[in-house]
Amino acid sequence: MTAPPPLPDDATLTAEGMAPAGAGRVLLIACGALAREILALRTANGWDHLDLSCLPANLHLWPDRIPDAVEGAVRANRDRYGQIFVVYADCGTGGLLQARCAALGVGMIEGPHCYSFFEGNDAFAAHAETEFTAFYLTDFLVRQFDAFVWRPMGLDRHPELRDTYFGHYDRLVYLAQTEDPDLAARAEAAAARLGLAYERRFTGYGDLAAALGTLSPAS
């Protein structure tokens, strides 16, 4: 089994993404926030035919930029790969990413966001109506809580904004991909900082594993 390429740190994945490093016949164009999970699945399942290119995770701060960034990555790599698959959900693009992928003729993972496909889209949808007051974190977002939540919302400078942003939330739900006590402690601390009740829910990789498992080596 081919060893996966070294994984950049979260700061690099957030600001720069990750270029494809192997000669896999199926290219995954993914959010940098999913790199660890994708490489873990690749290694565990021996999916040596999958190569990975990550766009900057901080594109989520500007969802309108995601479709153009994905299209640029598809066009830059189309001649090198027999198949390209986009590992973004809708991610706040209002259907624009799905339409762009359809126009480009590439597949993408189903779901409104990674919270949903990590838990499993059907399971997430089943309780969506009763959890609209929940604020979700994944492993990546726990590690990057300050960079993706605290500072972008200005809470480091104006903590009084907490009630404006989170006054209608009643809990923080940590959707955990891994069994990591340190991340669980950090997620609970994040809930306390936001003044929310804390819940941890182990999801593993959910529909992400199933979606990648359907990608056969291209001929």
N, C-alpha and C. Protein backbone atom coordinates (compact mmCIF):
# COMPACT_ATOMS: atom_id res chain seq x y z
N MET A 1 0.85 -1.19 0.00
CA MET A 1 0.00 0.00 0.00
C MET A 1 0.88 1.24 0.00
N THR A 2 0.57 2.17 -0.86
CA THR A 2 1.34 3.40 -0.95
C THR A 2 1.08 4.28 0.25
N ALA A 3 2.15 4.79 0.86
CA ALA A 3 1.99 5.68 2.02
C ALA A 3 1.39 6.99 1.58
N PRO A 4 0.48 7.57 2.39
CA PRO A 4 -0.10 8.87 2.02
C PRO A 4 0.94 9.96 2.12
N PRO A 5 0.74 11.06 1.40
CA PRO A 5 1.68 12.17 1.51
C PRO A 5 1.61 12.79 2.88
N PRO A 6 2.69 13.45 3.32
CA PRO A 6 2.64 14.14 4.62
C PRO A 6 1.52 15.16 4.64
N LEU A 7 0.85 15.25 5.78
CA LEU A 7 -0.28 16.17 5.91
C LEU A 7 0.18 17.52 6.44
N PRO A 8 -0.12 18.60 5.73
CA PRO A 8 0.22 19.93 6.26
C PRO A 8 -0.50 20.19 7.57
N ASP A 9 -0.02 21.16 8.32
CA ASP A 9 -0.71 21.51 9.55
C ASP A 9 -1.98 22.29 9.24
N ASP A 10 -2.81 22.47 10.27
CA ASP A 10 -4.11 23.11 10.07
C ASP A 10 -3.97 24.53 9.52
N ALA A 11 -2.95 25.26 9.95
CA ALA A 11 -2.78 26.63 9.46
C ALA A 11 -2.55 26.65 7.96
N THR A 12 -1.75 25.71 7.45
CA THR A 12 -1.51 25.64 6.01
C THR A 12 -2.77 25.23 5.28
N LEU A 13 -3.48 24.22 5.81
CA LEU A 13 -4.71 23.77 5.17
C LEU A 13 -5.76 24.87 5.15
N THR A 14 -5.76 25.71 6.18
CA THR A 14 -6.73 26.79 6.26
C THR A 14 -6.47 27.86 5.20
N ALA A 15 -5.23 28.27 5.06
CA ALA A 15 -4.91 29.41 4.21
C ALA A 15 -4.47 29.05 2.81
N GLU A 16 -3.90 27.85 2.62
CA GLU A 16 -3.30 27.52 1.35
C GLU A 16 -3.87 26.26 0.69
N GLY A 17 -4.50 25.38 1.46
CA GLY A 17 -4.97 24.12 0.91
C GLY A 17 -3.83 23.14 0.75
N MET A 18 -3.98 22.20 -0.18
CA MET A 18 -2.94 21.21 -0.40
C MET A 18 -3.00 20.73 -1.84
N ALA A 19 -1.89 20.75 -2.52
CA ALA A 19 -1.83 20.32 -3.91
C ALA A 19 -1.76 18.80 -3.99
N PRO A 20 -2.20 18.20 -5.11
CA PRO A 20 -2.08 16.75 -5.26
C PRO A 20 -0.62 16.35 -5.26
N ALA A 21 -0.32 15.27 -4.55
CA ALA A 21 1.08 14.88 -4.39
C ALA A 21 1.38 13.51 -4.95
N GLY A 22 0.39 12.78 -5.39
CA GLY A 22 0.61 11.42 -5.88
C GLY A 22 0.17 11.26 -7.31
N ALA A 23 0.14 10.03 -7.75
CA ALA A 23 -0.24 9.74 -9.12
C ALA A 23 -1.55 8.96 -9.15
N GLY A 24 -2.43 9.24 -8.19
CA GLY A 24 -3.70 8.55 -8.15
C GLY A 24 -4.52 8.83 -9.39
N ARG A 25 -5.37 7.87 -9.75
CA ARG A 25 -6.16 8.01 -10.97
C ARG A 25 -7.50 8.68 -10.74
N VAL A 26 -7.89 8.83 -9.49
CA VAL A 26 -9.09 9.58 -9.14
C VAL A 26 -8.63 10.75 -8.27
N LEU A 27 -8.94 11.96 -8.67
CA LEU A 27 -8.56 13.14 -7.90
C LEU A 27 -9.73 13.62 -7.07
N LEU A 28 -9.49 13.77 -5.78
CA LEU A 28 -10.46 14.38 -4.88
C LEU A 28 -10.10 15.85 -4.71
N ILE A 29 -11.02 16.72 -5.05
CA ILE A 29 -10.84 18.15 -4.79
C ILE A 29 -11.69 18.46 -3.57
N ALA A 30 -11.02 18.78 -2.46
CA ALA A 30 -11.71 18.82 -1.18
C ALA A 30 -11.41 20.10 -0.41
N CYS A 31 -12.25 20.36 0.57
CA CYS A 31 -12.01 21.42 1.53
C CYS A 31 -10.85 21.01 2.43
N GLY A 32 -9.97 21.96 2.73
CA GLY A 32 -8.85 21.67 3.61
C GLY A 32 -9.28 21.19 4.99
N ALA A 33 -10.50 21.49 5.40
CA ALA A 33 -11.00 21.04 6.70
C ALA A 33 -11.27 19.55 6.72
N LEU A 34 -11.21 18.89 5.56
CA LEU A 34 -11.51 17.46 5.48
C LEU A 34 -10.28 16.61 5.19
N ALA A 35 -9.11 17.24 5.10
CA ALA A 35 -7.91 16.51 4.66
C ALA A 35 -7.57 15.35 5.57
N ARG A 36 -7.57 15.57 6.87
CA ARG A 36 -7.18 14.50 7.80
C ARG A 36 -8.13 13.31 7.69
N GLU A 37 -9.41 13.60 7.58
CA GLU A 37 -10.39 12.53 7.50
C GLU A 37 -10.24 11.73 6.21
N ILE A 38 -10.04 12.44 5.09
CA ILE A 38 -9.89 11.76 3.80
C ILE A 38 -8.64 10.89 3.80
N LEU A 39 -7.52 11.41 4.29
CA LEU A 39 -6.29 10.63 4.29
C LEU A 39 -6.37 9.46 5.26
N ALA A 40 -7.09 9.64 6.38
CA ALA A 40 -7.28 8.52 7.31
C ALA A 40 -8.07 7.40 6.64
N LEU A 41 -9.11 7.76 5.91
CA LEU A 41 -9.91 6.74 5.21
C LEU A 41 -9.10 6.10 4.09
N ARG A 42 -8.33 6.89 3.38
CA ARG A 42 -7.50 6.36 2.30
C ARG A 42 -6.53 5.32 2.83
N THR A 43 -5.88 5.63 3.94
CA THR A 43 -4.91 4.71 4.53
C THR A 43 -5.58 3.46 5.07
N ALA A 44 -6.68 3.64 5.83
CA ALA A 44 -7.34 2.51 6.47
C ALA A 44 -7.92 1.52 5.46
N ASN A 45 -8.35 2.02 4.31
CA ASN A 45 -9.02 1.17 3.33
C ASN A 45 -8.14 0.79 2.15
N GLY A 46 -6.90 1.28 2.11
CA GLY A 46 -6.03 0.95 1.00
C GLY A 46 -6.48 1.53 -0.32
N TRP A 47 -7.08 2.72 -0.27
CA TRP A 47 -7.58 3.36 -1.49
C TRP A 47 -6.44 4.10 -2.19
N ASP A 48 -5.49 3.34 -2.72
CA ASP A 48 -4.31 3.94 -3.32
C ASP A 48 -4.60 4.68 -4.62
N HIS A 49 -5.78 4.45 -5.19
CA HIS A 49 -6.13 5.11 -6.44
C HIS A 49 -6.64 6.53 -6.23
N LEU A 50 -6.79 6.95 -4.96
CA LEU A 50 -7.30 8.28 -4.67
C LEU A 50 -6.15 9.24 -4.41
N ASP A 51 -6.14 10.35 -5.13
CA ASP A 51 -5.20 11.43 -4.90
C ASP A 51 -6.01 12.60 -4.34
N LEU A 52 -5.33 13.50 -3.64
CA LEU A 52 -6.04 14.55 -2.93
C LEU A 52 -5.46 15.92 -3.20
N SER A 53 -6.34 16.85 -3.53
CA SER A 53 -5.98 18.26 -3.64
C SER A 53 -6.95 19.05 -2.78
N CYS A 54 -6.44 19.82 -1.84
CA CYS A 54 -7.30 20.57 -0.93
C CYS A 54 -7.26 22.06 -1.23
N LEU A 55 -8.43 22.66 -1.29
CA LEU A 55 -8.55 24.10 -1.36
C LEU A 55 -8.51 24.67 0.05
N PRO A 56 -8.20 25.94 0.21
CA PRO A 56 -8.09 26.51 1.56
C PRO A 56 -9.37 26.36 2.36
N ALA A 57 -9.23 25.90 3.60
CA ALA A 57 -10.40 25.71 4.45
C ALA A 57 -11.11 27.03 4.74
N ASN A 58 -10.38 28.13 4.71
CA ASN A 58 -11.02 29.40 5.05
C ASN A 58 -11.91 29.95 3.93
N LEU A 59 -12.04 29.24 2.82
CA LEU A 59 -13.05 29.62 1.83
C LEU A 59 -14.45 29.61 2.43
N HIS A 60 -14.63 28.86 3.52
CA HIS A 60 -15.93 28.82 4.17
C HIS A 60 -16.33 30.17 4.75
N LEU A 61 -15.36 31.05 4.92
CA LEU A 61 -15.70 32.39 5.37
C LEU A 61 -16.32 33.22 4.25
N TRP A 62 -16.14 32.75 3.01
CA TRP A 62 -16.69 33.42 1.82
C TRP A 62 -17.27 32.35 0.89
N PRO A 63 -18.43 31.77 1.23
CA PRO A 63 -18.98 30.66 0.44
C PRO A 63 -19.18 30.98 -1.04
N ASP A 64 -19.40 32.26 -1.36
CA ASP A 64 -19.61 32.61 -2.76
C ASP A 64 -18.37 32.37 -3.61
N ARG A 65 -17.22 32.24 -2.98
CA ARG A 65 -15.98 32.00 -3.73
C ARG A 65 -15.72 30.51 -4.01
N ILE A 66 -16.47 29.64 -3.34
CA ILE A 66 -16.18 28.21 -3.47
C ILE A 66 -16.41 27.69 -4.88
N PRO A 67 -17.54 27.99 -5.56
CA PRO A 67 -17.72 27.44 -6.91
C PRO A 67 -16.60 27.79 -7.87
N ASP A 68 -16.15 29.04 -7.88
CA ASP A 68 -15.07 29.43 -8.79
C ASP A 68 -13.76 28.73 -8.43
N ALA A 69 -13.49 28.60 -7.14
CA ALA A 69 -12.27 27.92 -6.72
C ALA A 69 -12.29 26.46 -7.12
N VAL A 70 -13.43 25.81 -6.96
CA VAL A 70 -13.55 24.41 -7.36
C VAL A 70 -13.40 24.28 -8.87
N GLU A 71 -14.05 25.15 -9.61
CA GLU A 71 -13.92 25.07 -11.07
C GLU A 71 -12.46 25.26 -11.50
N GLY A 72 -11.77 26.20 -10.89
CA GLY A 72 -10.37 26.39 -11.24
C GLY A 72 -9.54 25.15 -11.00
N ALA A 73 -9.80 24.47 -9.87
CA ALA A 73 -9.06 23.26 -9.55
C ALA A 73 -9.40 22.13 -10.51
N VAL A 74 -10.68 22.02 -10.88
CA VAL A 74 -11.08 20.98 -11.84
C VAL A 74 -10.39 21.22 -13.18
N ARG A 75 -10.44 22.43 -13.67
CA ARG A 75 -9.85 22.72 -14.99
C ARG A 75 -8.33 22.55 -14.97
N ALA A 76 -7.70 22.87 -13.86
CA ALA A 76 -6.24 22.75 -13.77
C ALA A 76 -5.78 21.29 -13.77
N ASN A 77 -6.67 20.37 -13.37
CA ASN A 77 -6.26 18.98 -13.21
C ASN A 77 -6.97 18.00 -14.14
N ARG A 78 -7.91 18.50 -14.93
CA ARG A 78 -8.75 17.60 -15.73
C ARG A 78 -7.94 16.73 -16.67
N ASP A 79 -6.89 17.25 -17.26
CA ASP A 79 -6.12 16.48 -18.23
C ASP A 79 -5.24 15.42 -17.58
N ARG A 80 -5.08 15.49 -16.27
CA ARG A 80 -4.17 14.58 -15.58
C ARG A 80 -4.88 13.40 -14.93
N TYR A 81 -6.21 13.46 -14.83
CA TYR A 81 -6.96 12.43 -14.09
C TYR A 81 -8.13 11.92 -14.91
N GLY A 82 -8.36 10.62 -14.76
CA GLY A 82 -9.49 10.02 -15.45
C GLY A 82 -10.81 10.36 -14.80
N GLN A 83 -10.79 10.70 -13.51
CA GLN A 83 -12.01 11.02 -12.78
C GLN A 83 -11.69 12.04 -11.70
N ILE A 84 -12.60 12.99 -11.52
CA ILE A 84 -12.48 13.99 -10.47
C ILE A 84 -13.76 13.98 -9.65
N PHE A 85 -13.60 14.02 -8.33
CA PHE A 85 -14.75 14.02 -7.42
C PHE A 85 -14.56 15.15 -6.42
N VAL A 86 -15.59 15.94 -6.22
CA VAL A 86 -15.52 17.13 -5.35
C VAL A 86 -16.03 16.77 -3.96
N VAL A 87 -15.17 16.96 -2.96
CA VAL A 87 -15.54 16.65 -1.58
C VAL A 87 -15.85 17.95 -0.84
N TYR A 88 -16.89 18.59 -1.30
CA TYR A 88 -17.58 19.68 -0.63
C TYR A 88 -19.05 19.31 -0.64
N ALA A 89 -19.77 19.65 0.42
CA ALA A 89 -21.22 19.64 0.35
C ALA A 89 -21.66 20.99 -0.22
N ASP A 90 -22.91 21.36 -0.05
CA ASP A 90 -23.34 22.66 -0.56
C ASP A 90 -22.58 23.80 0.10
N CYS A 91 -22.34 23.69 1.41
CA CYS A 91 -21.45 24.59 2.14
C CYS A 91 -21.83 26.07 2.01
N GLY A 92 -23.14 26.34 2.00
CA GLY A 92 -23.58 27.73 1.98
C GLY A 92 -23.59 28.38 0.62
N THR A 93 -23.43 27.60 -0.46
CA THR A 93 -23.41 28.19 -1.79
C THR A 93 -24.80 28.28 -2.41
N GLY A 94 -25.81 27.83 -1.71
CA GLY A 94 -27.18 27.96 -2.21
C GLY A 94 -27.44 27.20 -3.49
N GLY A 95 -26.82 26.04 -3.63
CA GLY A 95 -27.00 25.22 -4.83
C GLY A 95 -26.07 25.56 -5.97
N LEU A 96 -25.30 26.64 -5.84
CA LEU A 96 -24.43 27.05 -6.94
C LEU A 96 -23.28 26.06 -7.17
N LEU A 97 -22.76 25.47 -6.11
CA LEU A 97 -21.67 24.51 -6.29
C LEU A 97 -22.17 23.26 -7.01
N GLN A 98 -23.32 22.77 -6.64
CA GLN A 98 -23.87 21.60 -7.32
C GLN A 98 -24.10 21.88 -8.79
N ALA A 99 -24.63 23.05 -9.11
CA ALA A 99 -24.86 23.42 -10.50
C ALA A 99 -23.54 23.52 -11.26
N ARG A 100 -22.52 24.06 -10.62
CA ARG A 100 -21.22 24.19 -11.27
C ARG A 100 -20.59 22.82 -11.53
N CYS A 101 -20.69 21.93 -10.55
CA CYS A 101 -20.15 20.59 -10.73
C CYS A 101 -20.88 19.85 -11.84
N ALA A 102 -22.19 20.02 -11.90
CA ALA A 102 -22.96 19.39 -12.97
C ALA A 102 -22.51 19.91 -14.33
N ALA A 103 -22.29 21.22 -14.44
CA ALA A 103 -21.84 21.80 -15.70
C ALA A 103 -20.46 21.31 -16.09
N LEU A 104 -19.62 21.06 -15.08
CA LEU A 104 -18.26 20.57 -15.34
C LEU A 104 -18.21 19.06 -15.56
N GLY A 105 -19.31 18.39 -15.24
CA GLY A 105 -19.36 16.94 -15.41
C GLY A 105 -18.59 16.17 -14.36
N VAL A 106 -18.54 16.71 -13.14
CA VAL A 106 -17.86 16.01 -12.05
C VAL A 106 -18.85 15.75 -10.92
N GLY A 107 -18.64 14.67 -10.19
CA GLY A 107 -19.50 14.33 -9.07
C GLY A 107 -19.10 15.09 -7.82
N MET A 108 -20.00 15.13 -6.83
CA MET A 108 -19.70 15.74 -5.55
C MET A 108 -20.46 15.01 -4.47
N ILE A 109 -19.97 15.11 -3.25
CA ILE A 109 -20.62 14.43 -2.14
C ILE A 109 -21.96 15.11 -1.85
N GLU A 110 -22.95 14.32 -1.44
CA GLU A 110 -24.27 14.86 -1.16
C GLU A 110 -24.34 15.43 0.25
N GLY A 111 -25.20 16.41 0.41
CA GLY A 111 -25.45 16.96 1.73
C GLY A 111 -25.38 18.47 1.75
N PRO A 112 -26.01 19.09 2.74
CA PRO A 112 -25.97 20.54 2.86
C PRO A 112 -24.66 21.06 3.42
N HIS A 113 -23.97 20.26 4.23
CA HIS A 113 -22.72 20.68 4.87
C HIS A 113 -22.05 19.44 5.47
N CYS A 114 -20.83 19.63 5.96
CA CYS A 114 -20.09 18.47 6.47
C CYS A 114 -20.69 17.94 7.76
N TYR A 115 -21.36 18.78 8.55
CA TYR A 115 -22.01 18.27 9.76
C TYR A 115 -22.99 17.16 9.39
N SER A 116 -23.72 17.39 8.30
CA SER A 116 -24.72 16.44 7.86
C SER A 116 -24.09 15.16 7.34
N PHE A 117 -23.11 15.26 6.44
CA PHE A 117 -22.60 14.00 5.91
C PHE A 117 -21.72 13.25 6.90
N PHE A 118 -21.12 13.95 7.87
CA PHE A 118 -20.39 13.21 8.90
C PHE A 118 -21.34 12.38 9.77
N GLU A 119 -22.45 12.96 10.14
CA GLU A 119 -23.41 12.19 10.93
C GLU A 119 -24.16 11.18 10.07
N GLY A 120 -24.22 11.45 8.79
CA GLY A 120 -25.06 10.69 7.87
C GLY A 120 -26.23 11.57 7.50
N ASN A 121 -26.39 11.85 6.21
CA ASN A 121 -27.42 12.81 5.80
C ASN A 121 -28.81 12.44 6.29
N ASP A 122 -29.15 11.16 6.24
CA ASP A 122 -30.49 10.75 6.67
C ASP A 122 -30.66 10.96 8.17
N ALA A 123 -29.64 10.59 8.95
CA ALA A 123 -29.73 10.75 10.40
C ALA A 123 -29.79 12.23 10.78
N PHE A 124 -28.98 13.04 10.12
CA PHE A 124 -28.98 14.47 10.43
C PHE A 124 -30.33 15.10 10.09
N ALA A 125 -30.88 14.74 8.94
CA ALA A 125 -32.16 15.30 8.54
C ALA A 125 -33.28 14.89 9.48
N ALA A 126 -33.17 13.69 10.06
CA ALA A 126 -34.23 13.17 10.91
C ALA A 126 -34.43 14.01 12.17
N HIS A 127 -33.37 14.66 12.66
CA HIS A 127 -33.54 15.46 13.86
C HIS A 127 -33.26 16.95 13.62
N ALA A 128 -33.18 17.36 12.35
CA ALA A 128 -32.87 18.76 12.05
C ALA A 128 -33.91 19.71 12.62
N GLU A 129 -35.17 19.31 12.61
CA GLU A 129 -36.24 20.18 13.09
C GLU A 129 -36.21 20.39 14.60
N THR A 130 -35.56 19.49 15.31
CA THR A 130 -35.50 19.61 16.77
C THR A 130 -34.15 20.12 17.24
N GLU A 131 -33.21 20.34 16.32
CA GLU A 131 -31.88 20.80 16.71
C GLU A 131 -31.50 22.12 16.05
N PHE A 132 -32.48 22.92 15.71
CA PHE A 132 -32.16 24.20 15.06
C PHE A 132 -31.54 25.20 16.03
N THR A 133 -31.52 24.87 17.33
CA THR A 133 -30.85 25.73 18.31
C THR A 133 -29.49 25.16 18.70
N ALA A 134 -28.97 24.22 17.92
CA ALA A 134 -27.67 23.62 18.20
C ALA A 134 -26.59 24.24 17.31
N PHE A 135 -25.44 24.48 17.89
CA PHE A 135 -24.27 24.96 17.17
C PHE A 135 -23.30 23.79 17.09
N TYR A 136 -22.85 23.46 15.86
CA TYR A 136 -22.08 22.25 15.65
C TYR A 136 -20.59 22.54 15.46
N LEU A 137 -19.77 21.62 15.96
CA LEU A 137 -18.35 21.61 15.67
C LEU A 137 -17.94 20.21 15.23
N THR A 138 -16.94 20.15 14.35
CA THR A 138 -16.30 18.90 13.95
C THR A 138 -14.90 18.86 14.57
N ASP A 139 -14.16 17.78 14.34
CA ASP A 139 -12.79 17.71 14.85
C ASP A 139 -11.98 18.93 14.39
N PHE A 140 -12.05 19.22 13.10
CA PHE A 140 -11.29 20.35 12.57
C PHE A 140 -11.68 21.65 13.26
N LEU A 141 -12.97 21.87 13.42
CA LEU A 141 -13.43 23.13 13.99
C LEU A 141 -13.12 23.23 15.48
N VAL A 142 -13.02 22.10 16.16
CA VAL A 142 -12.57 22.15 17.55
C VAL A 142 -11.10 22.60 17.59
N ARG A 143 -10.29 22.00 16.72
CA ARG A 143 -8.88 22.40 16.69
C ARG A 143 -8.72 23.86 16.29
N GLN A 144 -9.60 24.34 15.43
CA GLN A 144 -9.48 25.68 14.87
C GLN A 144 -10.59 26.61 15.36
N PHE A 145 -11.05 26.39 16.58
CA PHE A 145 -12.17 27.17 17.11
C PHE A 145 -11.87 28.67 17.11
N ASP A 146 -10.70 29.04 17.57
CA ASP A 146 -10.36 30.47 17.61
C ASP A 146 -10.29 31.05 16.20
N ALA A 147 -9.68 30.32 15.27
CA ALA A 147 -9.46 30.84 13.91
C ALA A 147 -10.74 30.90 13.10
N PHE A 148 -11.69 30.00 13.36
CA PHE A 148 -12.89 29.94 12.53
C PHE A 148 -14.15 30.46 13.20
N VAL A 149 -14.13 30.58 14.52
CA VAL A 149 -15.32 31.05 15.23
C VAL A 149 -14.99 32.30 16.05
N TRP A 150 -14.11 32.17 17.01
CA TRP A 150 -13.91 33.23 18.00
C TRP A 150 -13.42 34.54 17.37
N ARG A 151 -12.34 34.46 16.59
CA ARG A 151 -11.78 35.69 16.02
C ARG A 151 -12.61 36.23 14.86
N PRO A 152 -13.03 35.40 13.87
CA PRO A 152 -13.82 35.96 12.77
C PRO A 152 -15.10 36.65 13.22
N MET A 153 -15.69 36.18 14.33
CA MET A 153 -16.90 36.81 14.83
C MET A 153 -16.61 38.01 15.72
N GLY A 154 -15.33 38.29 15.94
CA GLY A 154 -14.95 39.45 16.73
C GLY A 154 -15.10 39.26 18.22
N LEU A 155 -15.30 38.00 18.66
CA LEU A 155 -15.53 37.77 20.08
C LEU A 155 -14.28 37.97 20.92
N ASP A 156 -13.11 37.92 20.28
CA ASP A 156 -11.87 38.19 21.00
C ASP A 156 -11.76 39.67 21.37
N ARG A 157 -12.39 40.52 20.58
CA ARG A 157 -12.33 41.97 20.81
C ARG A 157 -13.60 42.51 21.46
N HIS A 158 -14.72 41.85 21.17
CA HIS A 158 -16.00 42.34 21.68
C HIS A 158 -16.81 41.15 22.20
N PRO A 159 -16.47 40.65 23.37
CA PRO A 159 -17.17 39.47 23.90
C PRO A 159 -18.66 39.71 24.12
N GLU A 160 -19.06 40.97 24.20
CA GLU A 160 -20.49 41.25 24.38
C GLU A 160 -21.32 40.83 23.17
N LEU A 161 -20.65 40.59 22.02
CA LEU A 161 -21.37 40.12 20.82
C LEU A 161 -21.85 38.68 20.97
N ARG A 162 -21.40 38.02 22.01
CA ARG A 162 -21.82 36.62 22.21
C ARG A 162 -23.34 36.51 22.19
N ASP A 163 -24.05 37.39 22.89
CA ASP A 163 -25.51 37.31 22.94
C ASP A 163 -26.14 37.60 21.59
N THR A 164 -25.51 38.45 20.80
CA THR A 164 -26.03 38.75 19.46
C THR A 164 -25.93 37.52 18.55
N TYR A 165 -24.79 36.86 18.59
CA TYR A 165 -24.57 35.73 17.71
C TYR A 165 -25.19 34.43 18.21
N PHE A 166 -25.17 34.23 19.53
CA PHE A 166 -25.53 32.92 20.07
C PHE A 166 -26.72 32.95 21.02
N GLY A 167 -27.42 34.07 21.06
CA GLY A 167 -28.54 34.17 21.97
C GLY A 167 -29.66 33.20 21.69
N HIS A 168 -29.76 32.72 20.44
CA HIS A 168 -30.83 31.78 20.09
C HIS A 168 -30.37 30.33 20.07
N TYR A 169 -29.11 30.10 20.44
CA TYR A 169 -28.61 28.73 20.56
C TYR A 169 -28.70 28.29 22.03
N ASP A 170 -28.92 27.00 22.24
CA ASP A 170 -28.94 26.50 23.61
C ASP A 170 -27.89 25.45 23.90
N ARG A 171 -27.19 24.96 22.86
CA ARG A 171 -26.18 23.92 23.09
C ARG A 171 -25.16 23.90 21.96
N LEU A 172 -24.01 23.41 22.30
CA LEU A 172 -22.96 23.12 21.33
C LEU A 172 -22.87 21.61 21.20
N VAL A 173 -23.01 21.12 19.98
CA VAL A 173 -22.92 19.68 19.72
C VAL A 173 -21.62 19.41 18.98
N TYR A 174 -20.75 18.66 19.61
CA TYR A 174 -19.48 18.27 19.00
C TYR A 174 -19.70 16.95 18.28
N LEU A 175 -19.69 17.00 16.95
CA LEU A 175 -19.80 15.81 16.12
C LEU A 175 -18.38 15.27 15.92
N ALA A 176 -18.02 14.27 16.68
CA ALA A 176 -16.65 13.80 16.75
C ALA A 176 -16.36 12.73 15.71
N GLN A 177 -15.31 12.95 14.93
CA GLN A 177 -14.87 11.95 13.97
C GLN A 177 -13.95 10.91 14.61
N THR A 178 -13.28 11.29 15.68
CA THR A 178 -12.32 10.41 16.33
C THR A 178 -12.57 10.37 17.83
N GLU A 179 -12.03 9.33 18.45
CA GLU A 179 -12.09 9.22 19.91
C GLU A 179 -10.84 9.89 20.48
N ASP A 180 -10.94 11.15 20.77
CA ASP A 180 -9.80 11.94 21.21
C ASP A 180 -10.19 12.73 22.46
N PRO A 181 -9.74 12.30 23.64
CA PRO A 181 -10.12 13.01 24.87
C PRO A 181 -9.70 14.48 24.89
N ASP A 182 -8.56 14.79 24.27
CA ASP A 182 -8.12 16.18 24.25
C ASP A 182 -9.09 17.04 23.45
N LEU A 183 -9.51 16.56 22.28
CA LEU A 183 -10.47 17.33 21.49
C LEU A 183 -11.81 17.46 22.21
N ALA A 184 -12.22 16.40 22.91
CA ALA A 184 -13.48 16.48 23.66
C ALA A 184 -13.39 17.55 24.74
N ALA A 185 -12.25 17.62 25.41
CA ALA A 185 -12.08 18.64 26.45
C ALA A 185 -12.08 20.04 25.85
N ARG A 186 -11.45 20.18 24.69
CA ARG A 186 -11.43 21.49 24.04
C ARG A 186 -12.81 21.89 23.54
N ALA A 187 -13.58 20.93 23.05
CA ALA A 187 -14.95 21.23 22.61
C ALA A 187 -15.81 21.66 23.79
N GLU A 188 -15.65 20.98 24.92
CA GLU A 188 -16.43 21.35 26.12
C GLU A 188 -16.04 22.75 26.59
N ALA A 189 -14.75 23.07 26.49
CA ALA A 189 -14.30 24.41 26.86
C ALA A 189 -14.87 25.46 25.92
N ALA A 190 -14.97 25.13 24.64
CA ALA A 190 -15.56 26.06 23.68
C ALA A 190 -17.03 26.31 24.01
N ALA A 191 -17.74 25.27 24.39
CA ALA A 191 -19.14 25.43 24.78
C ALA A 191 -19.26 26.38 25.98
N ALA A 192 -18.35 26.22 26.94
CA ALA A 192 -18.38 27.09 28.12
C ALA A 192 -18.11 28.54 27.74
N ARG A 193 -17.17 28.74 26.81
CA ARG A 193 -16.87 30.11 26.38
C ARG A 193 -18.07 30.76 25.71
N LEU A 194 -18.88 29.96 25.04
CA LEU A 194 -20.05 30.50 24.36
C LEU A 194 -21.29 30.51 25.25
N GLY A 195 -21.17 29.97 26.45
CA GLY A 195 -22.31 29.94 27.36
C GLY A 195 -23.38 28.95 26.93
N LEU A 196 -22.97 27.84 26.31
CA LEU A 196 -23.91 26.85 25.79
C LEU A 196 -23.73 25.52 26.51
N ALA A 197 -24.81 24.76 26.61
CA ALA A 197 -24.71 23.39 27.10
C ALA A 197 -23.86 22.58 26.12
N TYR A 198 -23.26 21.52 26.61
CA TYR A 198 -22.32 20.74 25.79
C TYR A 198 -22.84 19.33 25.57
N GLU A 199 -22.71 18.88 24.33
CA GLU A 199 -23.05 17.50 23.97
C GLU A 199 -22.01 16.98 22.99
N ARG A 200 -21.51 15.80 23.24
CA ARG A 200 -20.60 15.14 22.30
C ARG A 200 -21.33 13.98 21.65
N ARG A 201 -21.21 13.90 20.34
CA ARG A 201 -21.86 12.83 19.58
C ARG A 201 -20.84 12.22 18.63
N PHE A 202 -20.47 10.99 18.85
CA PHE A 202 -19.49 10.35 17.97
C PHE A 202 -20.16 9.95 16.66
N THR A 203 -19.60 10.44 15.55
CA THR A 203 -20.16 10.12 14.23
C THR A 203 -19.23 9.26 13.39
N GLY A 204 -17.92 9.28 13.69
CA GLY A 204 -16.98 8.69 12.75
C GLY A 204 -17.00 9.51 11.46
N TYR A 205 -16.84 8.81 10.35
CA TYR A 205 -16.74 9.52 9.07
C TYR A 205 -18.05 9.51 8.27
N GLY A 206 -19.06 8.83 8.76
CA GLY A 206 -20.39 8.90 8.18
C GLY A 206 -20.44 8.64 6.69
N ASP A 207 -21.18 9.48 5.98
CA ASP A 207 -21.37 9.31 4.54
C ASP A 207 -20.11 9.63 3.74
N LEU A 208 -19.13 10.29 4.36
CA LEU A 208 -17.87 10.53 3.65
C LEU A 208 -17.22 9.20 3.28
N ALA A 209 -17.19 8.27 4.20
CA ALA A 209 -16.59 6.95 3.92
C ALA A 209 -17.34 6.25 2.80
N ALA A 210 -18.66 6.30 2.85
CA ALA A 210 -19.46 5.63 1.83
C ALA A 210 -19.24 6.25 0.45
N ALA A 211 -19.18 7.58 0.40
CA ALA A 211 -18.99 8.26 -0.88
C ALA A 211 -17.64 7.93 -1.50
N LEU A 212 -16.59 7.96 -0.69
CA LEU A 212 -15.27 7.66 -1.24
C LEU A 212 -15.15 6.19 -1.63
N GLY A 213 -15.87 5.35 -0.93
CA GLY A 213 -15.82 3.92 -1.24
C GLY A 213 -16.41 3.56 -2.58
N THR A 214 -17.22 4.44 -3.14
CA THR A 214 -17.83 4.18 -4.45
C THR A 214 -16.92 4.55 -5.62
N LEU A 215 -15.80 5.19 -5.33
CA LEU A 215 -14.93 5.72 -6.39
C LEU A 215 -13.92 4.66 -6.81
N SER A 216 -14.19 4.02 -7.93
CA SER A 216 -13.29 2.99 -8.44
C SER A 216 -12.18 3.62 -9.27
N PRO A 217 -11.04 2.92 -9.37
CA PRO A 217 -9.97 3.44 -10.22
C PRO A 217 -10.47 3.69 -11.63
N ALA A 218 -10.10 4.83 -12.18
CA ALA A 218 -10.52 5.17 -13.54
C ALA A 218 -9.72 4.36 -14.55
N SER A 219 -10.34 4.06 -15.64
CA SER A 219 -9.65 3.30 -16.68
C SER A 219 -8.85 4.23 -17.57
